[in-house]
C-alpha atoms as a PDB file:
ATOM      1  CA  MET A   1      14.180   8.258   1.051  1.00  0.00           C
ATOM      2  CA  THR A   2      12.482  11.258   2.483  1.00  0.00           C
ATOM      3  CA  ASP A   3       8.843  11.215   3.230  1.00  0.00           C
ATOM      4  CA  PRO A   4       6.755  13.416   1.269  1.00  0.00           C
ATOM      5  CA  PRO A   5       4.896  15.965   2.830  1.00  0.00           C
ATOM      6  CA  ASN A   6       1.913  14.583   4.998  1.00  0.00           C
ATOM      7  CA  PRO A   7      -1.406  16.466   4.314  1.00  0.00           C
ATOM      8  CA  PHE A   8      -2.646  16.166   7.777  1.00  0.00           C
ATOM      9  CA  ALA A   9      -2.462  19.010  10.720  1.00  0.00           C
ATOM     10  CA  ILE A  10       0.313  18.246  13.275  1.00  0.00           C
ATOM     11  CA  ASN A  11      -2.602  18.330  15.804  1.00  0.00           C
ATOM     12  CA  ASP A  12      -4.326  15.323  13.916  1.00  0.00           C
ATOM     13  CA  PRO A  13      -1.813  12.508  14.780  1.00  0.00           C
ATOM     14  CA  GLU A  14      -4.055   9.459  13.968  1.00  0.00           C
ATOM     15  CA  ARG A  15      -4.451  10.553  10.430  1.00  0.00           C
ATOM     16  CA  GLN A  16      -0.546  11.275  10.292  1.00  0.00           C
ATOM     17  CA  ALA A  17       0.157   7.608  11.443  1.00  0.00           C
ATOM     18  CA  ILE A  18      -2.438   6.310   8.998  1.00  0.00           C
ATOM     19  CA  TRP A  19      -1.161   8.372   6.210  1.00  0.00           C
ATOM     20  CA  ARG A  20       2.271   7.287   7.161  1.00  0.00           C
ATOM     21  CA  MET A  21       1.469   3.689   6.917  1.00  0.00           C
ATOM     22  CA  LEU A  22      -0.454   3.957   3.513  1.00  0.00           C
ATOM     23  CA  VAL A  23       1.591   6.186   1.858  1.00  0.00           C
ATOM     24  CA  ALA A  24       5.051   6.628   2.710  1.00  0.00           C
ATOM     25  CA  ARG A  25       5.835   3.338   4.236  1.00  0.00           C
ATOM     26  CA  ASP A  26       3.969   1.610   1.620  1.00  0.00           C
ATOM     27  CA  THR A  27       6.057   3.602  -1.035  1.00  0.00           C
ATOM     28  CA  GLU A  28       9.340   2.717   0.475  1.00  0.00           C
ATOM     29  CA  ALA A  29       8.531  -1.034   0.759  1.00  0.00           C
ATOM     30  CA  PHE A  30       7.306  -1.051  -3.032  1.00  0.00           C
ATOM     31  CA  CYS A  31      10.566   0.654  -4.471  1.00  0.00           C
ATOM     32  CA  ALA A  32      12.689  -1.795  -2.519  1.00  0.00           C
ATOM     33  CA  GLY A  33      10.499  -4.660  -3.306  1.00  0.00           C
ATOM     34  CA  ASP A  34      10.324  -5.599   0.420  1.00  0.00           C
ATOM     35  CA  TRP A  35       6.790  -6.927   1.555  1.00  0.00           C
ATOM     36  CA  SER A  36       8.134  -7.676   4.961  1.00  0.00           C
ATOM     37  CA  ARG A  37       8.216  -3.941   5.847  1.00  0.00           C
ATOM     38  CA  ILE A  38       4.323  -3.855   5.478  1.00  0.00           C
ATOM     39  CA  ALA A  39       3.397  -7.381   5.834  1.00  0.00           C
ATOM     40  CA  ALA A  40       1.963  -6.535   9.621  1.00  0.00           C
ATOM     41  CA  ASP A  41      -0.232  -3.761   8.331  1.00  0.00           C
ATOM     42  CA  PHE A  42      -2.760  -6.297   7.097  1.00  0.00           C
ATOM     43  CA  ASP A  43      -5.375  -8.070   8.487  1.00  0.00           C
ATOM     44  CA  GLU A  44      -5.104 -11.466   6.611  1.00  0.00           C
ATOM     45  CA  GLU A  45      -8.395 -12.995   7.574  1.00  0.00           C
ATOM     46  CA  SER A  46     -10.389  -9.902   6.978  1.00  0.00           C
ATOM     47  CA  PHE A  47      -8.558  -8.643   3.664  1.00  0.00           C
ATOM     48  CA  LEU A  48     -10.349  -7.794   0.709  1.00  0.00           C
ATOM     49  CA  GLY A  49      -8.257  -5.681  -1.848  1.00  0.00           C
ATOM     50  CA  ILE A  50      -9.711  -3.053  -4.159  1.00  0.00           C
ATOM     51  CA  LYS A  51      -8.484  -1.931  -7.167  1.00  0.00           C
ATOM     52  CA  GLY A  52      -9.176   1.791  -7.245  1.00  0.00           C
ATOM     53  CA  GLY A  53      -9.508   4.435  -9.925  1.00  0.00           C
ATOM     54  CA  PRO A  54      -9.934   8.161 -10.102  1.00  0.00           C
ATOM     55  CA  SER A  55     -13.522   8.006  -8.833  1.00  0.00           C
ATOM     56  CA  PRO A  56     -14.809   5.567  -6.222  1.00  0.00           C
ATOM     57  CA  GLU A  57     -17.403   4.620  -8.662  1.00  0.00           C
ATOM     58  CA  ASP A  58     -14.721   2.906 -10.359  1.00  0.00           C
ATOM     59  CA  TRP A  59     -13.430   0.898  -7.545  1.00  0.00           C
ATOM     60  CA  ARG A  60     -13.797  -2.668  -7.598  1.00  0.00           C
ATOM     61  CA  PRO A  61     -13.018  -5.757  -5.446  1.00  0.00           C
ATOM     62  CA  THR A  62     -10.271  -7.669  -6.580  1.00  0.00           C
ATOM     63  CA  PHE A  63      -8.329  -9.354  -4.678  1.00  0.00           C
ATOM     64  CA  SER A  64     -10.100 -11.923  -2.312  1.00  0.00           C
ATOM     65  CA  SER A  65      -6.915 -12.790  -0.346  1.00  0.00           C
ATOM     66  CA  LEU A  66      -3.904 -11.391   1.082  1.00  0.00           C
ATOM     67  CA  PRO A  67      -1.595 -13.841  -0.718  1.00  0.00           C
ATOM     68  CA  LEU A  68      -3.293 -13.042  -4.200  1.00  0.00           C
ATOM     69  CA  TYR A  69      -2.732  -9.088  -3.425  1.00  0.00           C
ATOM     70  CA  ARG A  70       0.864  -9.698  -2.227  1.00  0.00           C
ATOM     71  CA  ASP A  71       1.958 -11.690  -5.240  1.00  0.00           C
ATOM     72  CA  ALA A  72       0.673  -8.973  -7.442  1.00  0.00           C
ATOM     73  CA  TRP A  73       2.452  -6.363  -5.503  1.00  0.00           C
ATOM     74  CA  LEU A  74       5.429  -7.807  -5.445  1.00  0.00           C
ATOM     75  CA  GLU A  75       5.105  -8.491  -9.245  1.00  0.00           C
ATOM     76  CA  GLN A  76       4.395  -4.985  -9.710  1.00  0.00           C
ATOM     77  CA  SER A  77       7.238  -3.872  -7.664  1.00  0.00           C
ATOM     78  CA  LYS A  78       9.527  -5.996  -9.622  1.00  0.00           C
ATOM     79  CA  CYS A  79       8.336  -4.256 -12.996  1.00  0.00           C
ATOM     80  CA  TYR A  80       8.627  -0.931 -11.387  1.00  0.00           C
ATOM     81  CA  ARG A  81      12.456  -1.652 -10.573  1.00  0.00           C
ATOM     82  CA  GLY A  82      12.957  -3.087 -14.156  1.00  0.00           C
ATOM     83  CA  LEU A  83      13.459  -6.718 -13.048  1.00  0.00           C
ATOM     84  CA  THR A  84      11.097  -8.286 -15.294  1.00  0.00           C
END
């Protein structure tokens, strides 16, 4: 899979790396249904999952634990891949 274009300037390696982790790597893992590719990106003890919307005013805490988020992520990945 080819990475989507990174919107951050080449002279901003930190933001490029964060974008790669949050967008490209997560998308690849989601399409493959492979949580293990991104599991280490999360701090389980400090995790709080937010369900977003078009505006930050629409954002709501939704997942109180990483296992809850992981299970929803895996289920959504299955649906995306036509497995459910």
